[in-house]
N, C-alpha and C. Protein backbone atom coordinates (compact mmCIF):
# COMPACT_ATOMS: atom_id res chain seq x y z
N MET A 1 -1.62 51.45 24.65
CA MET A 1 -2.57 50.21 25.23
C MET A 1 -3.29 49.62 23.56
N ASN A 2 -3.72 50.37 22.79
CA ASN A 2 -4.30 50.23 21.34
C ASN A 2 -3.77 49.06 20.64
N SER A 3 -2.16 49.61 20.52
CA SER A 3 -1.53 48.26 20.11
C SER A 3 -1.17 46.92 20.92
N LEU A 4 -0.77 47.04 21.87
CA LEU A 4 -1.06 46.16 22.61
C LEU A 4 -2.24 45.07 22.45
N PHE A 5 -3.36 45.75 22.54
CA PHE A 5 -4.71 44.84 22.35
C PHE A 5 -4.82 44.36 20.97
N ASN A 6 -4.01 45.02 19.57
CA ASN A 6 -4.23 44.55 18.55
C ASN A 6 -3.03 43.25 18.06
N ILE A 7 -2.30 43.40 19.13
CA ILE A 7 -1.24 42.49 19.64
C ILE A 7 -1.31 40.81 19.78
N LEU A 8 -2.30 40.99 21.17
CA LEU A 8 -3.19 40.03 21.52
C LEU A 8 -3.95 39.12 20.71
N THR A 9 -4.73 40.30 19.89
CA THR A 9 -5.96 40.19 18.97
C THR A 9 -5.26 38.90 18.27
N ILE A 10 -3.71 39.35 17.33
CA ILE A 10 -3.22 38.99 16.32
C ILE A 10 -2.93 37.43 16.92
N LEU A 11 -2.12 37.37 18.10
CA LEU A 11 -1.79 36.35 18.76
C LEU A 11 -2.91 35.03 18.87
N LEU A 12 -3.81 35.91 19.53
CA LEU A 12 -5.13 34.91 20.33
C LEU A 12 -5.89 34.25 18.81
N PHE A 13 -5.55 35.04 17.13
CA PHE A 13 -6.35 34.43 16.04
C PHE A 13 -5.35 33.28 15.49
N ILE A 14 -3.78 33.55 15.95
CA ILE A 14 -2.66 32.50 15.36
C ILE A 14 -2.64 31.32 16.13
N PHE A 15 -2.87 31.28 17.37
CA PHE A 15 -3.10 30.30 18.34
C PHE A 15 -4.19 29.40 18.42
N TYR A 16 -5.49 30.43 18.38
CA TYR A 16 -6.87 29.74 18.55
C TYR A 16 -7.92 29.14 17.07
N VAL A 17 -7.54 30.17 16.37
CA VAL A 17 -8.63 30.31 15.24
C VAL A 17 -7.98 29.63 14.24
N LEU A 18 -6.22 30.06 14.05
CA LEU A 18 -6.17 28.95 13.09
C LEU A 18 -5.91 27.42 12.60
N PRO A 19 -5.77 27.32 13.98
CA PRO A 19 -5.24 25.75 14.20
C PRO A 19 -6.63 24.92 14.10
N ASN A 20 -7.64 25.74 15.01
CA ASN A 20 -8.88 25.29 14.94
C ASN A 20 -9.75 24.25 13.28
N ASN A 21 -9.63 25.38 12.56
CA ASN A 21 -9.96 25.69 11.30
C ASN A 21 -8.80 25.10 10.37
N PHE A 22 -7.83 25.00 10.78
CA PHE A 22 -6.96 23.83 9.60
C PHE A 22 -6.28 22.82 9.88
N ILE A 23 -6.43 22.67 11.41
CA ILE A 23 -5.55 21.14 11.17
C ILE A 23 -6.42 20.24 11.31
N ASN A 24 -7.16 20.21 10.75
CA ASN A 24 -8.09 19.21 10.48
C ASN A 24 -8.03 18.77 8.67
N CYS A 25 -7.56 19.99 7.92
CA CYS A 25 -7.38 19.60 6.60
C CYS A 25 -7.44 18.69 5.56
N ASP A 26 -6.06 18.02 6.53
CA ASP A 26 -6.18 17.25 5.76
C ASP A 26 -6.80 15.98 6.28
N LYS A 27 -6.72 14.91 4.81
CA LYS A 27 -7.71 14.20 4.90
C LYS A 27 -7.48 12.57 5.17
N ASP A 28 -8.07 11.64 6.07
CA ASP A 28 -7.11 10.48 6.50
C ASP A 28 -6.87 9.31 5.46
N LEU A 29 -5.82 9.12 4.87
CA LEU A 29 -5.58 8.44 3.46
C LEU A 29 -6.24 7.04 3.95
N TYR A 30 -6.38 6.64 5.08
CA TYR A 30 -6.83 4.72 5.13
C TYR A 30 -8.29 5.31 4.86
N LYS A 31 -9.21 6.41 5.55
CA LYS A 31 -10.71 6.49 5.19
C LYS A 31 -10.82 6.75 4.01
N ILE A 32 -10.11 7.13 3.32
CA ILE A 32 -10.36 7.67 1.55
C ILE A 32 -10.16 6.32 1.15
N LEU A 33 -9.65 5.29 1.42
CA LEU A 33 -9.03 3.73 0.44
C LEU A 33 -9.95 2.77 1.58
N GLU A 34 -10.75 3.24 2.41
CA GLU A 34 -12.17 2.41 3.32
C GLU A 34 -10.91 1.35 3.60
N LEU A 35 -9.51 1.70 4.36
CA LEU A 35 -8.82 0.29 4.84
C LEU A 35 -8.34 1.03 6.17
N LYS A 36 -8.34 -0.43 6.78
CA LYS A 36 -7.52 -0.17 7.91
C LYS A 36 -5.99 0.24 7.80
N ARG A 37 -6.19 1.01 9.57
CA ARG A 37 -4.24 1.04 9.52
C ARG A 37 -3.44 -0.10 9.13
N THR A 38 -3.85 -1.53 9.25
CA THR A 38 -2.80 -2.56 9.35
C THR A 38 -3.09 -3.01 8.49
N CYS A 39 -3.78 -2.85 7.35
CA CYS A 39 -3.86 -3.44 5.60
C CYS A 39 -2.16 -3.55 5.51
N THR A 40 -2.46 -4.69 4.36
CA THR A 40 -1.24 -5.15 3.79
C THR A 40 -0.86 -4.32 2.03
N PRO A 41 0.01 -4.54 1.60
CA PRO A 41 -0.12 -3.85 0.38
C PRO A 41 -0.94 -4.56 -0.79
N ALA A 42 -1.23 -5.47 -0.43
CA ALA A 42 -1.86 -6.39 -1.74
C ALA A 42 -4.02 -6.00 -1.50
N GLU A 43 -4.12 -5.59 -0.08
CA GLU A 43 -5.44 -5.00 0.49
C GLU A 43 -5.17 -3.54 -0.46
N ILE A 44 -4.49 -2.46 -0.33
CA ILE A 44 -4.26 -1.43 -0.71
C ILE A 44 -4.32 -1.32 -2.08
N LYS A 45 -3.72 -2.34 -2.80
CA LYS A 45 -3.90 -2.08 -4.46
C LYS A 45 -5.16 -2.56 -4.75
N LYS A 46 -5.82 -3.48 -4.17
CA LYS A 46 -7.13 -4.27 -4.65
C LYS A 46 -8.11 -3.31 -4.17
N GLN A 47 -7.91 -2.49 -2.97
CA GLN A 47 -9.19 -1.35 -2.97
C GLN A 47 -8.93 -0.23 -3.72
N TYR A 48 -7.59 0.08 -4.11
CA TYR A 48 -7.38 1.39 -5.18
C TYR A 48 -8.07 1.15 -6.27
N ARG A 49 -7.72 -0.20 -6.94
CA ARG A 49 -8.47 -1.17 -8.24
C ARG A 49 -10.24 -0.98 -7.84
N LYS A 50 -10.60 -0.92 -7.25
CA LYS A 50 -12.15 -0.83 -6.63
C LYS A 50 -12.98 0.40 -6.23
N LEU A 51 -12.00 1.54 -6.05
CA LEU A 51 -12.53 2.57 -5.68
C LEU A 51 -12.27 3.39 -7.12
N THR A 52 -10.81 3.21 -8.03
CA THR A 52 -10.98 4.08 -8.76
C THR A 52 -12.18 3.56 -10.13
N LEU A 53 -12.41 2.48 -10.22
CA LEU A 53 -13.28 1.94 -11.00
C LEU A 53 -14.87 2.51 -10.16
N LYS A 54 -14.98 3.00 -9.17
CA LYS A 54 -16.49 3.49 -8.90
C LYS A 54 -16.40 4.34 -8.46
N TYR A 55 -15.29 5.56 -9.05
CA TYR A 55 -15.43 6.97 -9.18
C TYR A 55 -14.48 7.39 -10.23
N HIS A 56 -14.63 6.99 -11.06
CA HIS A 56 -13.97 7.12 -12.31
C HIS A 56 -14.80 7.94 -13.23
N PRO A 57 -14.51 9.66 -13.52
CA PRO A 57 -15.12 10.33 -13.91
C PRO A 57 -16.01 9.91 -15.33
N ASP A 58 -15.57 8.95 -16.18
CA ASP A 58 -16.28 8.62 -17.08
C ASP A 58 -17.40 7.66 -16.90
N ARG A 59 -17.13 7.26 -15.79
CA ARG A 59 -18.37 6.43 -15.21
C ARG A 59 -19.28 7.57 -14.57
N ASN A 60 -19.37 8.93 -14.22
CA ASN A 60 -19.95 9.42 -13.16
C ASN A 60 -19.47 10.76 -13.61
N ARG A 61 -20.23 10.93 -14.69
CA ARG A 61 -20.66 12.06 -15.72
C ARG A 61 -21.73 13.09 -14.76
N ASP A 62 -22.44 12.33 -14.35
CA ASP A 62 -23.27 13.30 -13.45
C ASP A 62 -23.09 13.79 -12.40
N ASN A 63 -21.76 13.42 -11.30
CA ASN A 63 -21.69 13.29 -10.04
C ASN A 63 -20.21 14.34 -10.11
N PRO A 64 -20.57 15.64 -9.24
CA PRO A 64 -19.38 15.87 -9.81
C PRO A 64 -18.25 16.47 -8.27
N LYS A 65 -18.57 15.39 -7.49
CA LYS A 65 -17.41 14.52 -6.60
C LYS A 65 -16.64 13.89 -7.28
N ALA A 66 -16.96 13.06 -8.11
CA ALA A 66 -16.38 11.38 -7.94
C ALA A 66 -15.06 11.99 -8.63
N LYS A 67 -15.04 13.19 -9.80
CA LYS A 67 -13.56 13.47 -9.94
C LYS A 67 -12.68 13.79 -8.73
N GLU A 68 -13.36 14.69 -7.63
CA GLU A 68 -13.04 14.37 -6.24
C GLU A 68 -12.28 13.48 -5.86
N MET A 69 -13.09 12.50 -5.83
CA MET A 69 -13.07 11.28 -4.91
C MET A 69 -11.38 10.49 -5.55
N PHE A 70 -11.52 10.17 -7.57
CA PHE A 70 -10.89 9.62 -7.76
C PHE A 70 -9.63 10.31 -7.45
N THR A 71 -9.57 11.57 -7.88
CA THR A 71 -8.19 12.13 -6.86
C THR A 71 -7.39 11.74 -5.90
N ASP A 72 -8.51 12.06 -4.92
CA ASP A 72 -8.03 11.70 -3.80
C ASP A 72 -7.93 10.43 -3.39
N VAL A 73 -8.58 9.41 -4.48
CA VAL A 73 -8.13 8.09 -4.15
C VAL A 73 -6.66 7.65 -5.09
N ALA A 74 -6.93 8.56 -5.74
CA ALA A 74 -5.22 7.87 -6.32
C ALA A 74 -4.01 8.60 -5.36
N GLU A 75 -3.64 10.14 -5.12
CA GLU A 75 -3.05 10.34 -4.19
C GLU A 75 -3.30 9.52 -2.73
N ALA A 76 -4.22 9.10 -1.94
CA ALA A 76 -3.57 8.16 -0.91
C ALA A 76 -3.35 7.23 -1.82
N ASN A 77 -3.45 6.45 -2.37
CA ASN A 77 -3.24 4.96 -3.06
C ASN A 77 -1.37 5.72 -3.20
N GLU A 78 -0.69 6.42 -4.13
CA GLU A 78 0.67 7.01 -4.30
C GLU A 78 1.08 6.85 -2.55
N ILE A 79 0.70 7.23 -1.83
CA ILE A 79 1.27 7.46 -0.45
C ILE A 79 1.37 6.26 0.23
N LEU A 80 0.49 5.19 0.27
CA LEU A 80 0.04 3.89 1.18
C LEU A 80 0.71 3.11 0.69
N SER A 81 0.99 3.21 -0.73
CA SER A 81 1.45 1.95 -1.55
C SER A 81 3.24 1.87 -1.84
N ASP A 82 3.82 3.24 -1.52
CA ASP A 82 5.00 3.34 -1.24
C ASP A 82 5.24 2.77 0.22
N PRO A 83 6.03 1.96 1.02
CA PRO A 83 6.31 1.77 1.41
C PRO A 83 6.95 2.78 2.93
N LYS A 84 8.03 3.76 2.17
CA LYS A 84 9.25 4.23 2.94
C LYS A 84 7.44 5.57 3.45
N LEU A 85 6.66 5.75 2.27
CA LEU A 85 5.68 7.08 2.34
C LEU A 85 5.20 6.95 3.71
N ARG A 86 4.33 5.62 3.41
CA ARG A 86 3.55 5.47 4.23
C ARG A 86 4.06 5.34 5.91
N ARG A 87 5.27 5.06 5.74
CA ARG A 87 6.12 5.09 7.05
C ARG A 87 6.15 6.76 7.60
N ILE A 88 5.87 7.60 6.86
CA ILE A 88 6.12 8.72 7.16
C ILE A 88 4.78 9.52 7.34
N TYR A 89 3.91 8.84 6.96
CA TYR A 89 2.41 9.38 6.76
C TYR A 89 2.24 8.77 7.98
N ASP A 90 2.48 7.13 8.78
CA ASP A 90 1.96 6.59 9.92
C ASP A 90 2.54 7.49 10.80
N ARG A 91 3.92 7.85 10.87
CA ARG A 91 4.61 9.00 11.85
C ARG A 91 4.00 10.59 12.16
N GLY A 92 4.02 11.10 10.91
CA GLY A 92 3.72 12.28 11.11
C GLY A 92 2.58 13.25 10.73
N GLY A 93 2.16 12.17 9.46
CA GLY A 93 0.46 12.62 8.79
C GLY A 93 1.06 12.91 7.50
N MET A 94 0.33 14.14 6.82
CA MET A 94 0.42 14.51 5.75
C MET A 94 1.38 15.86 5.66
N ASP A 95 1.94 16.68 6.65
CA ASP A 95 2.80 17.44 6.61
C ASP A 95 3.79 16.71 6.79
N GLN A 96 4.25 15.75 7.31
CA GLN A 96 5.48 15.46 7.48
C GLN A 96 5.80 14.12 6.23
N VAL A 97 4.85 14.17 5.05
CA VAL A 97 5.11 13.54 3.93
C VAL A 97 5.30 14.90 2.66
N LYS A 98 4.31 15.68 3.15
CA LYS A 98 4.92 16.77 1.96
C LYS A 98 5.94 17.48 2.36
N SER A 99 6.64 17.57 3.33
CA SER A 99 8.39 17.66 3.93
C SER A 99 8.76 17.00 3.04
N HIS A 100 8.86 15.56 3.26
CA HIS A 100 9.38 14.67 2.45
C HIS A 100 9.95 15.24 0.81
N ILE A 101 8.88 15.26 0.76
CA ILE A 101 8.90 15.45 -0.56
C ILE A 101 9.19 17.13 -1.20
N GLU A 102 9.32 18.08 -0.79
CA GLU A 102 10.02 18.60 -0.62
C GLU A 102 11.27 18.94 -0.84
N GLN A 103 11.59 18.29 0.02
CA GLN A 103 13.21 17.83 0.39
C GLN A 103 13.75 16.79 -0.53
N LYS A 104 12.69 15.83 -1.12
CA LYS A 104 13.32 15.45 -2.23
C LYS A 104 13.27 15.88 -3.28
N ASN A 105 12.61 16.70 -3.38
CA ASN A 105 12.26 17.69 -4.74
C ASN A 105 12.76 19.25 -5.22
N GLN A 106 13.53 19.31 -3.91
CA GLN A 106 14.52 20.75 -3.64
C GLN A 106 15.78 20.05 -4.96
N GLY A 107 16.53 19.24 -4.96
CA GLY A 107 17.50 19.30 -5.83
C GLY A 107 17.47 19.32 -7.02
N GLY A 108 16.24 19.53 -7.85
CA GLY A 108 15.89 19.42 -9.51
C GLY A 108 14.82 19.18 -9.56
N GLY A 109 14.58 18.31 -10.58
CA GLY A 109 12.93 17.42 -11.13
C GLY A 109 12.08 17.60 -10.09
N GLY A 110 11.06 17.51 -10.43
CA GLY A 110 9.76 17.28 -9.98
C GLY A 110 9.69 15.57 -10.06
N GLY A 111 8.80 14.88 -9.42
CA GLY A 111 8.37 13.10 -9.19
C GLY A 111 7.65 13.71 -10.68
N PHE A 112 7.17 12.31 -11.23
CA PHE A 112 6.28 11.67 -12.03
C PHE A 112 5.11 11.27 -11.44
N ASP A 113 4.02 12.04 -12.12
CA ASP A 113 2.78 11.79 -10.83
C ASP A 113 1.60 11.67 -12.29
N PRO A 114 0.91 10.66 -12.89
CA PRO A 114 0.11 10.47 -13.64
C PRO A 114 -1.20 10.71 -13.26
N PHE A 115 -1.38 11.58 -12.62
CA PHE A 115 -2.55 11.51 -11.97
C PHE A 115 -3.24 13.16 -11.01
N GLY A 116 -1.53 13.98 -11.13
CA GLY A 116 -1.83 15.42 -11.02
C GLY A 116 -2.34 15.72 -9.23
N GLY A 117 -1.40 14.49 -8.84
CA GLY A 117 -2.10 14.56 -7.63
C GLY A 117 -0.71 14.80 -6.33
N MET A 118 -0.55 14.83 -5.58
CA MET A 118 0.29 14.77 -4.41
C MET A 118 1.46 16.47 -4.97
N PHE A 119 2.28 15.78 -6.22
CA PHE A 119 3.46 16.63 -6.22
C PHE A 119 2.52 17.68 -6.75
N GLY A 120 1.88 17.92 -7.65
CA GLY A 120 0.87 19.64 -8.06
C GLY A 120 -0.06 19.78 -6.93
N ARG A 121 -0.50 19.27 -6.02
CA ARG A 121 -1.55 19.37 -5.09
C ARG A 121 -1.34 19.92 -4.22
N TYR A 122 -0.12 19.51 -3.54
CA TYR A 122 0.00 19.86 -2.18
C TYR A 122 1.45 21.19 -1.51
N HIS A 123 1.61 22.17 -2.85
CA HIS A 123 2.61 22.56 -2.76
C HIS A 123 1.89 23.40 -2.97
């Protein structure tokens, strides 16, 4: 009886507690870049440049969150500025993007990542 209770408790934890706490852990890339889902590549590029200036760590030495935002903006740009990754993100979210990148990188070398972004952060 005690082991049945333990199994049910574990199942309850797996199916109800974990998803509710972690399902929204991925950030909305469009919100990070302050753009609509219908934005054009030119709008992504323009907004990326604007936000990297706004959140650049050298300009925000007193704001500890600026570095995190700067990194988030760079990662959002990496995905949304690549037409293939953007389609994957729009269809399946970050989980699908991560899966795609892992499959792509299984053949050997990793991708070039000037900001230390998605290739290092999501593995």
